[in-house]
């Protein structure tokens, strides 16, 4: 029986939101879970605090703009999923804090990679994904902005290192790994040799996951790109890895590998901090 029971999907006004919603619905059906969409965006007044200086009439205009954004996002939600299977909830103004609070009661978050260009800043802060992952402590499945159609993961690459973050990522991913067709675990020699990593194979086997173990020599300062290249070579449709950061730190404090993957990912990545 799957331990994945509650899925929280971040909804906003971007086209990628519909992809996240559809995947949330499919994951919920596959695991007997419940899915909920949380519309969490920055209000226009917060984005443009000096706008009120233009005159008292601007306030109602900004409120109307926010309502139009909300209506468009809700219409996209209603067209993407069955509202009976994916509930809708909305908050505005403080998307990071609101998402973090809701995340405490979810087994898995579905977030989206920041789209390139100025449109990427329209709904949430630039550090939204990293902040939610680091502040909530919950596992997050982040979808790349280039993904057009969600698929349930069948070929999974796990980046393993004997750390708290990796252990949490693997544990969070177990329901997905148990339903995958193939699982490959990659460990890297970062200059100190590779320790005996057979225990991770045994741990996965104890949970019904048969995995192959792959050992690689880490490329200095290029480990993130190397990891994405290995995922492409394996034709993986999911990468599982630990997310390294410090406390309430934001993107600047994330480890270099995490930053690279978040910036350059072309496949879904399950992160856990």
Protein backbone atom coordinates (compact mmCIF):
# COMPACT_ATOMS: atom_id res chain seq x y z
CA UNK A 1 0.00 0.00 0.00
CA UNK A 2 1.37 3.40 -1.00
CA UNK A 3 2.30 5.83 1.76
CA UNK A 4 1.68 8.77 -0.56
CA UNK A 5 -1.68 10.08 0.65
CA UNK A 6 -1.71 13.87 0.34
CA UNK A 7 -0.43 15.89 -2.63
CA UNK A 8 -0.24 19.67 -2.70
CA UNK A 9 0.05 21.32 -6.12
CA UNK A 10 1.12 24.94 -6.51
CA UNK A 11 -1.22 26.69 -8.91
CA UNK A 12 -0.60 30.05 -10.55
CA UNK A 13 -1.29 31.79 -13.84
CA UNK A 14 1.43 30.14 -15.92
CA UNK A 15 0.73 27.47 -18.55
CA UNK A 16 2.98 25.11 -16.58
CA UNK A 17 0.44 25.19 -13.75
CA UNK A 18 -1.90 23.03 -15.83
CA UNK A 19 0.85 20.44 -16.30
CA UNK A 20 1.43 20.28 -12.54
CA UNK A 21 -2.28 19.93 -11.90
CA UNK A 22 -2.66 17.06 -14.35
CA UNK A 23 0.29 15.24 -12.84
CA UNK A 24 -1.13 15.77 -9.36
CA UNK A 25 -4.39 14.22 -10.47
CA UNK A 26 -2.62 11.22 -12.05
CA UNK A 27 -0.40 10.65 -9.02
CA UNK A 28 -3.40 10.81 -6.71
CA UNK A 29 -5.23 8.21 -8.79
CA UNK A 30 -2.17 5.94 -8.95
CA UNK A 31 -1.53 6.04 -5.20
CA UNK A 32 -5.02 6.33 -3.75
CA UNK A 33 -4.14 9.83 -2.55
CA UNK A 34 -5.95 13.14 -2.33
CA UNK A 35 -4.72 16.14 -4.31
CA UNK A 36 -5.23 19.82 -3.60
CA UNK A 37 -4.36 22.86 -5.70
CA UNK A 38 -3.22 25.95 -3.84
CA UNK A 39 -3.39 29.19 -5.81
CA UNK A 40 -0.65 31.21 -4.15
CA UNK A 41 0.64 34.33 -5.90
CA UNK A 42 2.01 37.74 -5.06
CA UNK A 43 -0.67 40.42 -5.14
CA UNK A 44 -0.31 43.35 -7.53
CA UNK A 45 -0.13 45.78 -4.63
CA UNK A 46 2.79 43.87 -3.14
CA UNK A 47 4.52 43.70 -6.53
CA UNK A 48 3.99 47.40 -7.20
CA UNK A 49 3.92 49.10 -3.76
CA UNK A 50 4.56 52.55 -5.21
CA UNK A 51 1.55 52.32 -7.52
CA UNK A 52 -0.72 53.93 -4.92
CA UNK A 53 1.34 57.07 -5.22
CA UNK A 54 -0.23 57.51 -8.65
CA UNK A 55 -3.61 58.19 -7.05
CA UNK A 56 -6.36 56.65 -4.96
CA UNK A 57 -8.05 55.19 -8.04
CA UNK A 58 -5.21 52.76 -8.65
CA UNK A 59 -6.15 50.57 -5.66
CA UNK A 60 -9.42 49.22 -7.12
CA UNK A 61 -7.67 48.75 -10.46
CA UNK A 62 -5.03 46.54 -8.86
CA UNK A 63 -7.72 44.55 -7.04
CA UNK A 64 -9.55 44.03 -10.32
CA UNK A 65 -6.30 42.93 -11.98
CA UNK A 66 -5.74 40.35 -9.27
CA UNK A 67 -9.30 39.07 -9.66
CA UNK A 68 -8.77 38.65 -13.40
CA UNK A 69 -5.56 36.71 -12.77
CA UNK A 70 -7.33 34.53 -10.24
CA UNK A 71 -10.26 33.86 -12.58
CA UNK A 72 -7.90 32.92 -15.43
CA UNK A 73 -5.96 30.55 -13.16
CA UNK A 74 -9.16 28.94 -11.88
CA UNK A 75 -10.48 28.50 -15.42
CA UNK A 76 -7.20 26.79 -16.35
CA UNK A 77 -7.53 24.53 -13.30
CA UNK A 78 -11.12 23.60 -14.16
CA UNK A 79 -10.10 22.75 -17.73
CA UNK A 80 -7.04 20.71 -16.68
CA UNK A 81 -8.47 18.42 -13.98
CA UNK A 82 -11.67 17.07 -12.53
CA UNK A 83 -12.53 19.39 -9.62
CA UNK A 84 -14.00 16.40 -7.80
CA UNK A 85 -10.53 14.83 -7.73
CA UNK A 86 -8.38 17.90 -7.17
CA UNK A 87 -9.68 20.44 -4.67
CA UNK A 88 -9.08 24.18 -5.12
CA UNK A 89 -7.90 26.63 -2.49
CA UNK A 90 -6.58 30.13 -2.90
CA UNK A 91 -4.44 32.60 -0.98
CA UNK A 92 -2.71 35.73 -2.20
CA UNK A 93 0.03 38.17 -1.29
CA UNK A 94 2.53 35.92 0.51
CA UNK A 95 2.97 32.86 -1.73
CA UNK A 96 6.08 31.49 0.00
CA UNK A 97 4.70 31.68 3.53
CA UNK A 98 1.26 30.45 2.46
CA UNK A 99 2.70 27.52 0.53
CA UNK A 100 5.03 26.57 3.37
CA UNK A 101 2.17 26.52 5.89
CA UNK A 102 0.07 24.31 3.64
CA UNK A 103 3.07 22.07 2.89
CA UNK A 104 3.33 20.93 6.49
CA UNK A 105 0.22 18.81 5.91
CA UNK A 106 1.25 17.24 2.59
CA UNK A 107 3.30 14.17 1.76
CA UNK A 108 4.48 15.61 -1.55
CA UNK A 109 4.57 19.06 -3.15
CA UNK A 110 4.34 19.71 -6.88
CA UNK A 111 6.19 22.87 -7.84
CA UNK A 112 7.36 24.37 -11.12
CA UNK A 113 10.79 25.46 -12.30
CA UNK A 114 10.94 29.20 -12.83
CA UNK A 115 10.25 30.03 -16.49
CA UNK A 116 12.88 32.18 -18.22
CA UNK A 117 12.29 35.83 -18.99
CA UNK A 118 10.23 38.52 -17.26
CA UNK A 119 7.03 36.47 -17.29
CA UNK A 120 8.59 34.14 -14.74
CA UNK A 121 8.35 36.84 -12.05
CA UNK A 122 4.68 37.65 -12.57
CA UNK A 123 3.21 35.34 -9.93
CA UNK A 124 5.85 34.32 -7.38
CA UNK A 125 9.30 35.50 -6.23
CA UNK A 126 12.36 34.17 -7.98
CA UNK A 127 13.35 32.14 -4.94
CA UNK A 128 9.91 30.56 -4.55
CA UNK A 129 10.86 26.93 -5.21
CA UNK A 130 14.04 26.92 -3.15
CA UNK A 131 12.38 28.83 -0.29
CA UNK A 132 9.42 26.46 -0.10
CA UNK A 133 11.66 23.38 -0.12
CA UNK A 134 14.07 24.72 2.50
CA UNK A 135 11.49 26.31 4.79
CA UNK A 136 8.90 23.53 4.72
CA UNK A 137 11.24 20.55 4.96
CA UNK A 138 8.80 18.64 2.75
CA UNK A 139 9.74 16.69 -0.38
CA UNK A 140 8.95 18.49 -3.61
CA UNK A 141 8.60 17.19 -7.12
CA UNK A 142 9.70 20.09 -9.32
CA UNK A 143 8.62 20.03 -12.96
CA UNK A 144 10.75 21.70 -15.66
CA UNK A 145 9.14 24.57 -17.52
CA UNK A 146 9.73 22.72 -20.82
CA UNK A 147 7.52 19.80 -19.79
CA UNK A 148 4.33 19.80 -21.85
CA UNK A 149 2.68 16.58 -20.78
CA UNK A 150 3.06 14.92 -17.38
CA UNK A 151 3.84 11.22 -17.14
CA UNK A 152 4.03 8.93 -14.17
CA UNK A 153 7.71 8.11 -13.58
CA UNK A 154 8.84 4.79 -15.03
CA UNK A 155 12.64 5.15 -15.26
CA UNK A 156 14.18 6.75 -12.20
CA UNK A 157 17.73 7.88 -11.45
CA UNK A 158 18.59 8.31 -7.77
CA UNK A 159 21.60 10.43 -6.82
CA UNK A 160 22.80 8.82 -3.61
CA UNK A 161 25.16 10.15 -0.99
CA UNK A 162 25.21 9.01 2.63
CA UNK A 163 23.67 12.23 3.97
CA UNK A 164 20.47 13.23 5.73
CA UNK A 165 19.20 15.01 2.63
CA UNK A 166 19.71 12.01 0.35
CA UNK A 167 18.13 9.66 2.87
CA UNK A 168 15.06 11.87 3.13
CA UNK A 169 14.79 12.13 -0.65
CA UNK A 170 14.93 8.36 -1.10
CA UNK A 171 12.37 7.77 1.65
CA UNK A 172 10.02 10.35 0.14
CA UNK A 173 10.43 8.81 -3.30
CA UNK A 174 9.68 5.23 -2.22
CA UNK A 175 6.04 5.24 -3.41
CA UNK A 176 7.22 6.38 -6.85
CA UNK A 177 10.17 3.97 -6.92
CA UNK A 178 7.90 1.05 -6.02
CA UNK A 179 5.79 1.71 -9.11
CA UNK A 180 8.71 2.41 -11.46
CA UNK A 181 9.86 -0.03 -14.13
CA UNK A 182 13.58 0.59 -13.52
CA UNK A 183 15.59 2.32 -10.81
CA UNK A 184 19.26 3.19 -11.06
CA UNK A 185 21.27 4.54 -8.12
CA UNK A 186 24.36 6.59 -8.94
CA UNK A 187 27.11 7.31 -6.40
CA UNK A 188 30.05 9.62 -7.03
CA UNK A 189 33.69 9.44 -6.08
CA UNK A 190 34.40 13.06 -5.14
CA UNK A 191 38.08 12.46 -4.49
CA UNK A 192 37.83 10.39 -1.34
CA UNK A 193 36.95 7.10 -2.92
CA UNK A 194 33.54 5.44 -2.88
CA UNK A 195 32.48 3.81 0.34
CA UNK A 196 30.52 0.60 0.38
CA UNK A 197 27.14 1.70 -0.95
CA UNK A 198 25.53 -1.74 -0.94
CA UNK A 199 23.40 -0.74 2.08
CA UNK A 200 21.31 1.59 -0.10
CA UNK A 201 20.58 -1.32 -2.46
CA UNK A 202 19.55 -3.42 0.52
CA UNK A 203 17.36 -0.65 1.90
CA UNK A 204 15.54 -0.28 -1.41
CA UNK A 205 15.18 -4.04 -1.78
CA UNK A 206 13.58 -4.22 1.66
CA UNK A 207 10.93 -1.86 0.31
CA UNK A 208 10.33 -3.85 -2.84
CA UNK A 209 12.55 -1.78 -5.12
CA UNK A 210 15.10 -3.57 -7.29
CA UNK A 211 17.83 -1.09 -8.20
CA UNK A 212 21.08 -1.21 -10.14
CA UNK A 213 24.10 0.60 -8.72
CA UNK A 214 26.28 2.84 -10.88
CA UNK A 215 29.56 4.38 -9.74
CA UNK A 216 30.98 7.53 -11.30
CA UNK A 217 33.98 9.79 -10.75
CA UNK A 218 32.71 13.27 -10.00
CA UNK A 219 33.73 16.05 -12.34
CA UNK A 220 34.97 18.93 -10.22
CA UNK A 221 32.63 21.95 -10.27
CA UNK A 222 30.42 20.20 -12.85
CA UNK A 223 28.60 17.63 -10.76
CA UNK A 224 25.16 19.14 -11.40
CA UNK A 225 25.62 19.08 -15.16
CA UNK A 226 27.12 15.59 -14.91
CA UNK A 227 24.09 14.37 -13.00
CA UNK A 228 21.68 15.78 -15.58
CA UNK A 229 23.75 14.20 -18.35
CA UNK A 230 23.57 10.81 -16.64
CA UNK A 231 19.80 11.20 -16.32
CA UNK A 232 19.57 11.90 -20.04
CA UNK A 233 21.78 8.91 -20.88
CA UNK A 234 19.54 6.68 -18.75
CA UNK A 235 16.43 8.16 -20.42
CA UNK A 236 15.17 8.81 -16.92
CA UNK A 237 11.85 10.55 -16.46
CA UNK A 238 12.55 11.31 -12.79
CA UNK A 239 15.65 12.31 -10.84
CA UNK A 240 15.72 11.91 -7.04
CA UNK A 241 18.24 13.90 -5.02
CA UNK A 242 18.87 15.71 -1.78
CA UNK A 243 18.55 19.49 -1.72
CA UNK A 244 21.37 21.16 0.17
CA UNK A 245 20.97 24.52 1.86
CA UNK A 246 21.04 26.21 5.23
CA UNK A 247 18.06 27.13 7.40
CA UNK A 248 15.97 29.90 5.90
CA UNK A 249 18.55 30.47 3.22
CA UNK A 250 17.50 31.31 -0.30
CA UNK A 251 18.95 30.35 -3.67
CA UNK A 252 22.34 31.95 -3.02
CA UNK A 253 22.91 29.56 -0.12
CA UNK A 254 21.94 26.38 -1.94
CA UNK A 255 24.68 23.98 -2.87
CA UNK A 256 26.12 24.35 -6.34
CA UNK A 257 24.74 21.03 -7.53
CA UNK A 258 21.21 21.96 -6.43
CA UNK A 259 21.45 25.38 -8.07
CA UNK A 260 22.64 23.86 -11.34
CA UNK A 261 19.91 21.25 -11.42
CA UNK A 262 17.18 23.77 -10.56
CA UNK A 263 18.40 26.09 -13.32
CA UNK A 264 19.07 23.53 -16.06
CA UNK A 265 16.70 20.61 -15.38
CA UNK A 266 14.79 19.16 -18.31
CA UNK A 267 13.13 16.32 -16.39
CA UNK A 268 11.12 16.25 -13.15
CA UNK A 269 13.29 16.22 -10.03
CA UNK A 270 12.23 15.13 -6.57
CA UNK A 271 14.11 17.19 -4.01
CA UNK A 272 14.16 16.80 -0.26
CA UNK A 273 15.92 18.91 2.35
